[in-house]
Structure formats: C-alpha cells, structure tokens
Amino acid sequence: MDKITHEMRLSKWTTIVRECNNRGIPKKEWCAANGVHNKQFFYWQRRVREEVFQEVKNIVPLETNFAQLGNRQFVAFA
C-alpha cells in the first residue's frame, strides 16, 4: 500500500473509530448497527492507536523511572 493510500485509509478509519468510541455503547454492537465488520474495525483501531502512539512518542520522549515497592512490585513515575 502506498503512503497516500495508507494516509487516506487511516484518516477514514480514525473518524470511524472516534465516532464509535464517542457513542458509549459496546463496540461490537456499534459495528453491527453501522455495517462495519468487527475484525476490520478492531484491525483499524489497532492501526490508529499505533499511529497516534508513534506521533506522541516522537513529540514527547518516554523517560520513565521505576521504584521498587516491597518484593518485586514496581511503580512508574515521571
């Protein structure tokens, strides 16, 4: 898939994922009501999340420190 096609599909599915998430009903129920196949929705939801994560990661470097609490328990803090 070329870059332009990928960006267009990602844009389309970002809108669909956002609309589904804003409805407040189970995702499978929303998909059935809107004619979206479950597997296709969850595939693109994962792709949208990955893209957003990459964008955020490039803007804000992840610097997480961990503190040990007791026996083998770790807590992340910035």
PDB file of N, CA and C in Angstrom:
ATOM      1  N   MET A   1       0.864  -1.168   0.000  1.00  0.00           N
ATOM      2  CA  MET A   1       0.000   0.000   0.000  1.00  0.00           C
ATOM      3  C   MET A   1       0.908   1.227   0.000  1.00  0.00           C
ATOM      4  N   ASP A   2       0.646   2.140  -0.907  1.00  0.00           N
ATOM      5  CA  ASP A   2       1.496   3.332  -0.946  1.00  0.00           C
ATOM      6  C   ASP A   2       1.118   4.296   0.182  1.00  0.00           C
ATOM      7  N   LYS A   3       1.975   5.268   0.406  1.00  0.00           N
ATOM      8  CA  LYS A   3       1.827   6.181   1.544  1.00  0.00           C
ATOM      9  C   LYS A   3       0.533   6.990   1.480  1.00  0.00           C
ATOM     10  N   ILE A   4       0.156   7.466   0.303  1.00  0.00           N
ATOM     11  CA  ILE A   4      -1.056   8.276   0.170  1.00  0.00           C
ATOM     12  C   ILE A   4      -2.298   7.433   0.468  1.00  0.00           C
ATOM     13  N   THR A   5      -2.336   6.220  -0.065  1.00  0.00           N
ATOM     14  CA  THR A   5      -3.465   5.323   0.197  1.00  0.00           C
ATOM     15  C   THR A   5      -3.562   5.022   1.682  1.00  0.00           C
ATOM     16  N   HIS A   6      -2.422   4.743   2.295  1.00  0.00           N
ATOM     17  CA  HIS A   6      -2.401   4.450   3.735  1.00  0.00           C
ATOM     18  C   HIS A   6      -2.940   5.634   4.533  1.00  0.00           C
ATOM     19  N   GLU A   7      -2.480   6.843   4.199  1.00  0.00           N
ATOM     20  CA  GLU A   7      -2.929   8.027   4.926  1.00  0.00           C
ATOM     21  C   GLU A   7      -4.425   8.276   4.747  1.00  0.00           C
ATOM     22  N   MET A   8      -4.946   8.026   3.552  1.00  0.00           N
ATOM     23  CA  MET A   8      -6.384   8.216   3.318  1.00  0.00           C
ATOM     24  C   MET A   8      -7.206   7.199   4.106  1.00  0.00           C
ATOM     25  N   ARG A   9      -6.775   5.953   4.080  1.00  0.00           N
ATOM     26  CA  ARG A   9      -7.494   4.923   4.845  1.00  0.00           C
ATOM     27  C   ARG A   9      -7.401   5.191   6.341  1.00  0.00           C
ATOM     28  N   LEU A  10      -6.222   5.586   6.782  1.00  0.00           N
ATOM     29  CA  LEU A  10      -6.039   5.881   8.198  1.00  0.00           C
ATOM     30  C   LEU A  10      -6.943   7.033   8.623  1.00  0.00           C
ATOM     31  N   SER A  11      -7.060   8.042   7.795  1.00  0.00           N
ATOM     32  CA  SER A  11      -7.929   9.178   8.093  1.00  0.00           C
ATOM     33  C   SER A  11      -9.390   8.741   8.186  1.00  0.00           C
ATOM     34  N   LYS A  12      -9.816   7.931   7.224  1.00  0.00           N
ATOM     35  CA  LYS A  12     -11.194   7.422   7.217  1.00  0.00           C
ATOM     36  C   LYS A  12     -11.469   6.618   8.489  1.00  0.00           C
ATOM     37  N   TRP A  13     -10.558   5.716   8.826  1.00  0.00           N
ATOM     38  CA  TRP A  13     -10.781   4.854   9.974  1.00  0.00           C
ATOM     39  C   TRP A  13     -10.592   5.579  11.301  1.00  0.00           C
ATOM     40  N   THR A  14      -9.797   6.614  11.321  1.00  0.00           N
ATOM     41  CA  THR A  14      -9.678   7.421  12.534  1.00  0.00           C
ATOM     42  C   THR A  14     -11.028   8.034  12.864  1.00  0.00           C
ATOM     43  N   THR A  15     -11.710   8.524  11.848  1.00  0.00           N
ATOM     44  CA  THR A  15     -13.046   9.090  12.038  1.00  0.00           C
ATOM     45  C   THR A  15     -14.024   8.035  12.527  1.00  0.00           C
ATOM     46  N   ILE A  16     -13.978   6.854  11.929  1.00  0.00           N
ATOM     47  CA  ILE A  16     -14.889   5.766  12.315  1.00  0.00           C
ATOM     48  C   ILE A  16     -14.627   5.331  13.753  1.00  0.00           C
ATOM     49  N   VAL A  17     -13.358   5.145  14.109  1.00  0.00           N
ATOM     50  CA  VAL A  17     -13.001   4.712  15.468  1.00  0.00           C
ATOM     51  C   VAL A  17     -13.432   5.763  16.483  1.00  0.00           C
ATOM     52  N   ARG A  18     -13.189   7.025  16.162  1.00  0.00           N
ATOM     53  CA  ARG A  18     -13.569   8.115  17.073  1.00  0.00           C
ATOM     54  C   ARG A  18     -15.087   8.149  17.267  1.00  0.00           C
ATOM     55  N   GLU A  19     -15.828   8.004  16.179  1.00  0.00           N
ATOM     56  CA  GLU A  19     -17.292   8.015  16.272  1.00  0.00           C
ATOM     57  C   GLU A  19     -17.793   6.862  17.140  1.00  0.00           C
ATOM     58  N   CYS A  20     -17.230   5.686  16.931  1.00  0.00           N
ATOM     59  CA  CYS A  20     -17.623   4.517  17.724  1.00  0.00           C
ATOM     60  C   CYS A  20     -17.318   4.731  19.199  1.00  0.00           C
ATOM     61  N   ASN A  21     -16.131   5.238  19.493  1.00  0.00           N
ATOM     62  CA  ASN A  21     -15.734   5.445  20.891  1.00  0.00           C
ATOM     63  C   ASN A  21     -16.590   6.489  21.595  1.00  0.00           C
ATOM     64  N   ASN A  22     -17.117   7.440  20.851  1.00  0.00           N
ATOM     65  CA  ASN A  22     -17.925   8.503  21.451  1.00  0.00           C
ATOM     66  C   ASN A  22     -19.383   8.115  21.670  1.00  0.00           C
ATOM     67  N   ARG A  23     -19.803   6.970  21.181  1.00  0.00           N
ATOM     68  CA  ARG A  23     -21.210   6.567  21.300  1.00  0.00           C
ATOM     69  C   ARG A  23     -21.574   5.981  22.654  1.00  0.00           C
ATOM     70  N   GLY A  24     -20.631   5.428  23.359  1.00  0.00           N
ATOM     71  CA  GLY A  24     -20.917   4.897  24.691  1.00  0.00           C
ATOM     72  C   GLY A  24     -21.635   3.558  24.698  1.00  0.00           C
ATOM     73  N   ILE A  25     -21.616   2.854  23.565  1.00  0.00           N
ATOM     74  CA  ILE A  25     -22.196   1.509  23.518  1.00  0.00           C
ATOM     75  C   ILE A  25     -21.070   0.530  23.189  1.00  0.00           C
ATOM     76  N   PRO A  26     -21.286  -0.758  23.443  1.00  0.00           N
ATOM     77  CA  PRO A  26     -20.232  -1.728  23.114  1.00  0.00           C
ATOM     78  C   PRO A  26     -19.838  -1.642  21.638  1.00  0.00           C
ATOM     79  N   LYS A  27     -18.559  -1.806  21.373  1.00  0.00           N
ATOM     80  CA  LYS A  27     -18.044  -1.647  20.017  1.00  0.00           C
ATOM     81  C   LYS A  27     -18.655  -2.642  19.043  1.00  0.00           C
ATOM     82  N   LYS A  28     -18.837  -3.876  19.466  1.00  0.00           N
ATOM     83  CA  LYS A  28     -19.437  -4.873  18.568  1.00  0.00           C
ATOM     84  C   LYS A  28     -20.867  -4.491  18.215  1.00  0.00           C
ATOM     85  N   GLU A  29     -21.577  -3.952  19.170  1.00  0.00           N
ATOM     86  CA  GLU A  29     -22.954  -3.503  18.930  1.00  0.00           C
ATOM     87  C   GLU A  29     -22.959  -2.331  17.948  1.00  0.00           C
ATOM     88  N   TRP A  30     -22.026  -1.382  18.138  1.00  0.00           N
ATOM     89  CA  TRP A  30     -21.939  -0.236  17.238  1.00  0.00           C
ATOM     90  C   TRP A  30     -21.604  -0.691  15.826  1.00  0.00           C
ATOM     91  N   CYS A  31     -20.675  -1.622  15.715  1.00  0.00           N
ATOM     92  CA  CYS A  31     -20.283  -2.137  14.399  1.00  0.00           C
ATOM     93  C   CYS A  31     -21.466  -2.773  13.681  1.00  0.00           C
ATOM     94  N   ALA A  32     -22.230  -3.595  14.391  1.00  0.00           N
ATOM     95  CA  ALA A  32     -23.387  -4.246  13.785  1.00  0.00           C
ATOM     96  C   ALA A  32     -24.413  -3.214  13.313  1.00  0.00           C
ATOM     97  N   ALA A  33     -24.626  -2.177  14.113  1.00  0.00           N
ATOM     98  CA  ALA A  33     -25.615  -1.156  13.764  1.00  0.00           C
ATOM     99  C   ALA A  33     -25.156  -0.284  12.599  1.00  0.00           C
ATOM    100  N   ASN A  34     -23.846  -0.223  12.360  1.00  0.00           N
ATOM    101  CA  ASN A  34     -23.313   0.663  11.318  1.00  0.00           C
ATOM    102  C   ASN A  34     -22.706  -0.078  10.138  1.00  0.00           C
ATOM    103  N   GLY A  35     -22.925  -1.383  10.070  1.00  0.00           N
ATOM    104  CA  GLY A  35     -22.464  -2.167   8.925  1.00  0.00           C
ATOM    105  C   GLY A  35     -20.958  -2.288   8.799  1.00  0.00           C
ATOM    106  N   VAL A  36     -20.265  -2.270   9.941  1.00  0.00           N
ATOM    107  CA  VAL A  36     -18.800  -2.398   9.953  1.00  0.00           C
ATOM    108  C   VAL A  36     -18.469  -3.783  10.486  1.00  0.00           C
ATOM    109  N   HIS A  37     -17.605  -4.503   9.777  1.00  0.00           N
ATOM    110  CA  HIS A  37     -17.203  -5.827  10.246  1.00  0.00           C
ATOM    111  C   HIS A  37     -16.307  -5.689  11.475  1.00  0.00           C
ATOM    112  N   ASN A  38     -16.580  -6.517  12.485  1.00  0.00           N
ATOM    113  CA  ASN A  38     -15.824  -6.448  13.746  1.00  0.00           C
ATOM    114  C   ASN A  38     -14.324  -6.550  13.533  1.00  0.00           C
ATOM    115  N   LYS A  39     -13.892  -7.556  12.758  1.00  0.00           N
ATOM    116  CA  LYS A  39     -12.455  -7.767  12.564  1.00  0.00           C
ATOM    117  C   LYS A  39     -11.812  -6.566  11.881  1.00  0.00           C
ATOM    118  N   GLN A  40     -12.518  -5.996  10.924  1.00  0.00           N
ATOM    119  CA  GLN A  40     -11.991  -4.825  10.226  1.00  0.00           C
ATOM    120  C   GLN A  40     -11.881  -3.641  11.183  1.00  0.00           C
ATOM    121  N   PHE A  41     -12.908  -3.456  12.004  1.00  0.00           N
ATOM    122  CA  PHE A  41     -12.883  -2.356  12.967  1.00  0.00           C
ATOM    123  C   PHE A  41     -11.715  -2.497  13.939  1.00  0.00           C
ATOM    124  N   PHE A  42     -11.564  -3.677  14.535  1.00  0.00           N
ATOM    125  CA  PHE A  42     -10.519  -3.856  15.538  1.00  0.00           C
ATOM    126  C   PHE A  42      -9.120  -3.803  14.924  1.00  0.00           C
ATOM    127  N   TYR A  43      -8.985  -4.249  13.675  1.00  0.00           N
ATOM    128  CA  TYR A  43      -7.716  -4.121  12.966  1.00  0.00           C
ATOM    129  C   TYR A  43      -7.345  -2.639  12.834  1.00  0.00           C
ATOM    130  N   TRP A  44      -8.287  -1.829  12.351  1.00  0.00           N
ATOM    131  CA  TRP A  44      -8.003  -0.412  12.132  1.00  0.00           C
ATOM    132  C   TRP A  44      -7.907   0.362  13.443  1.00  0.00           C
ATOM    133  N   GLN A  45      -8.624  -0.066  14.448  1.00  0.00           N
ATOM    134  CA  GLN A  45      -8.480   0.578  15.756  1.00  0.00           C
ATOM    135  C   GLN A  45      -7.042   0.419  16.246  1.00  0.00           C
ATOM    136  N   ARG A  46      -6.483  -0.786  16.077  1.00  0.00           N
ATOM    137  CA  ARG A  46      -5.105  -1.047  16.465  1.00  0.00           C
ATOM    138  C   ARG A  46      -4.138  -0.183  15.647  1.00  0.00           C
ATOM    139  N   ARG A  47      -4.372  -0.081  14.340  1.00  0.00           N
ATOM    140  CA  ARG A  47      -3.508   0.730  13.473  1.00  0.00           C
ATOM    141  C   ARG A  47      -3.568   2.201  13.858  1.00  0.00           C
ATOM    142  N   VAL A  48      -4.774   2.714  14.146  1.00  0.00           N
ATOM    143  CA  VAL A  48      -4.926   4.112  14.553  1.00  0.00           C
ATOM    144  C   VAL A  48      -4.170   4.354  15.850  1.00  0.00           C
ATOM    145  N   ARG A  49      -4.315   3.453  16.814  1.00  0.00           N
ATOM    146  CA  ARG A  49      -3.612   3.604  18.091  1.00  0.00           C
ATOM    147  C   ARG A  49      -2.095   3.588  17.896  1.00  0.00           C
ATOM    148  N   GLU A  50      -1.608   2.694  17.031  1.00  0.00           N
ATOM    149  CA  GLU A  50      -0.174   2.629  16.765  1.00  0.00           C
ATOM    150  C   GLU A  50       0.336   3.933  16.168  1.00  0.00           C
ATOM    151  N   GLU A  51      -0.412   4.493  15.233  1.00  0.00           N
ATOM    152  CA  GLU A  51      -0.017   5.757  14.602  1.00  0.00           C
ATOM    153  C   GLU A  51       0.020   6.894  15.625  1.00  0.00           C
ATOM    154  N   VAL A  52      -1.010   6.955  16.466  1.00  0.00           N
ATOM    155  CA  VAL A  52      -1.059   8.005  17.484  1.00  0.00           C
ATOM    156  C   VAL A  52       0.107   7.839  18.453  1.00  0.00           C
ATOM    157  N   PHE A  53       0.378   6.618  18.854  1.00  0.00           N
ATOM    158  CA  PHE A  53       1.486   6.366  19.769  1.00  0.00           C
ATOM    159  C   PHE A  53       2.808   6.817  19.158  1.00  0.00           C
ATOM    160  N   GLN A  54       3.027   6.502  17.881  1.00  0.00           N
ATOM    161  CA  GLN A  54       4.262   6.908  17.213  1.00  0.00           C
ATOM    162  C   GLN A  54       4.393   8.428  17.162  1.00  0.00           C
ATOM    163  N   GLU A  55       3.289   9.117  16.892  1.00  0.00           N
ATOM    164  CA  GLU A  55       3.313  10.577  16.845  1.00  0.00           C
ATOM    165  C   GLU A  55       3.644  11.163  18.217  1.00  0.00           C
ATOM    166  N   VAL A  56       3.006  10.638  19.249  1.00  0.00           N
ATOM    167  CA  VAL A  56       3.246  11.132  20.608  1.00  0.00           C
ATOM    168  C   VAL A  56       4.676  10.810  21.033  1.00  0.00           C
ATOM    169  N   LYS A  57       5.135   9.629  20.711  1.00  0.00           N
ATOM    170  CA  LYS A  57       6.486   9.211  21.075  1.00  0.00           C
ATOM    171  C   LYS A  57       7.531  10.123  20.437  1.00  0.00           C
ATOM    172  N   ASN A  58       7.271  10.586  19.230  1.00  0.00           N
ATOM    173  CA  ASN A  58       8.211  11.479  18.554  1.00  0.00           C
ATOM    174  C   ASN A  58       8.191  12.885  19.158  1.00  0.00           C
ATOM    175  N   ILE A  59       7.070  13.264  19.754  1.00  0.00           N
ATOM    176  CA  ILE A  59       6.950  14.595  20.353  1.00  0.00           C
ATOM    177  C   ILE A  59       7.493  14.600  21.779  1.00  0.00           C
ATOM    178  N   VAL A  60       7.076  13.614  22.574  1.00  0.00           N
ATOM    179  CA  VAL A  60       7.457  13.542  23.983  1.00  0.00           C
ATOM    180  C   VAL A  60       8.248  12.256  24.202  1.00  0.00           C
ATOM    181  N   PRO A  61       9.546  12.368  24.425  1.00  0.00           N
ATOM    182  CA  PRO A  61      10.333  11.154  24.668  1.00  0.00           C
ATOM    183  C   PRO A  61       9.887  10.470  25.962  1.00  0.00           C
ATOM    184  N   LEU A  62       9.836   9.171  25.913  1.00  0.00           N
ATOM    185  CA  LEU A  62       9.422   8.412  27.088  1.00  0.00           C
ATOM    186  C   LEU A  62      10.600   8.250  28.032  1.00  0.00           C
ATOM    187  N   GLU A  63      10.513   8.902  29.158  1.00  0.00           N
ATOM    188  CA  GLU A  63      11.533   8.767  30.196  1.00  0.00           C
ATOM    189  C   GLU A  63      10.808   8.371  31.474  1.00  0.00           C
ATOM    190  N   THR A  64      10.732   7.092  31.697  1.00  0.00           N
ATOM    191  CA  THR A  64      10.024   6.589  32.861  1.00  0.00           C
ATOM    192  C   THR A  64      11.017   5.955  33.815  1.00  0.00           C
ATOM    193  N   ASN A  65      10.901   6.319  35.052  1.00  0.00           N
ATOM    194  CA  ASN A  65      11.717   5.717  36.096  1.00  0.00           C
ATOM    195  C   ASN A  65      10.830   4.783  36.910  1.00  0.00           C
ATOM    196  N   PHE A  66      11.442   3.766  37.471  1.00  0.00           N
ATOM    197  CA  PHE A  66      10.681   2.804  38.254  1.00  0.00           C
ATOM    198  C   PHE A  66      11.217   2.762  39.678  1.00  0.00           C
ATOM    199  N   ALA A  67      10.311   2.625  40.605  1.00  0.00           N
ATOM    200  CA  ALA A  67      10.684   2.490  42.007  1.00  0.00           C
ATOM    201  C   ALA A  67      10.179   1.138  42.497  1.00  0.00           C
ATOM    202  N   GLN A  68      10.997   0.449  43.244  1.00  0.00           N
ATOM    203  CA  GLN A  68      10.593  -0.842  43.760  1.00  0.00           C
ATOM    204  C   GLN A  68       9.869  -0.642  45.075  1.00  0.00           C
ATOM    205  N   LEU A  69       8.697  -1.256  45.161  1.00  0.00           N
ATOM    206  CA  LEU A  69       7.899  -1.207  46.385  1.00  0.00           C
ATOM    207  C   LEU A  69       7.769  -2.629  46.902  1.00  0.00           C
ATOM    208  N   GLY A  70       8.474  -2.938  47.942  1.00  0.00           N
ATOM    209  CA  GLY A  70       8.384  -4.279  48.510  1.00  0.00           C
ATOM    210  C   GLY A  70       9.037  -5.306  47.607  1.00  0.00           C
ATOM    211  N   ASN A  71       8.476  -6.482  47.623  1.00  0.00           N
ATOM    212  CA  ASN A  71       9.039  -7.601  46.902  1.00  0.00           C
ATOM    213  C   ASN A  71       8.522  -7.651  45.463  1.00  0.00           C
ATOM    214  N   ARG A  72       9.344  -7.232  44.498  1.00  0.00           N
ATOM    215  CA  ARG A  72       9.075  -7.341  43.064  1.00  0.00           C
ATOM    216  C   ARG A  72       7.878  -6.524  42.575  1.00  0.00           C
ATOM    217  N   GLN A  73       7.539  -5.476  43.223  1.00  0.00           N
ATOM    218  CA  GLN A  73       6.476  -4.583  42.752  1.00  0.00           C
ATOM    219  C   GLN A  73       7.124  -3.302  42.272  1.00  0.00           C
ATOM    220  N   PHE A  74       6.759  -2.865  41.088  1.00  0.00           N
ATOM    221  CA  PHE A  74       7.358  -1.668  40.535  1.00  0.00           C
ATOM    222  C   PHE A  74       6.275  -0.663  40.181  1.00  0.00           C
ATOM    223  N   VAL A  75       6.572   0.589  40.405  1.00  0.00           N
ATOM    224  CA  VAL A  75       5.655   1.668  40.097  1.00  0.00           C
ATOM    225  C   VAL A  75       6.377   2.659  39.188  1.00  0.00           C
ATOM    226  N   ALA A  76       5.723   3.077  38.122  1.00  0.00           N
ATOM    227  CA  ALA A  76       6.334   4.033  37.212  1.00  0.00           C
ATOM    228  C   ALA A  76       6.010   5.443  37.671  1.00  0.00           C
ATOM    229  N   PHE A  77       6.983   6.317  37.530  1.00  0.00           N
ATOM    230  CA  PHE A  77       6.757   7.730  37.820  1.00  0.00           C
ATOM    231  C   PHE A  77       7.627   8.549  36.875  1.00  0.00           C
ATOM    232  N   ALA A  78       7.190   9.788  36.644  1.00  0.00           N
ATOM    233  CA  ALA A  78       7.942  10.654  35.715  1.00  0.00           C
ATOM    234  C   ALA A  78       8.915  11.507  36.478  1.00  0.00           C
TER     235      ALA A  78
END
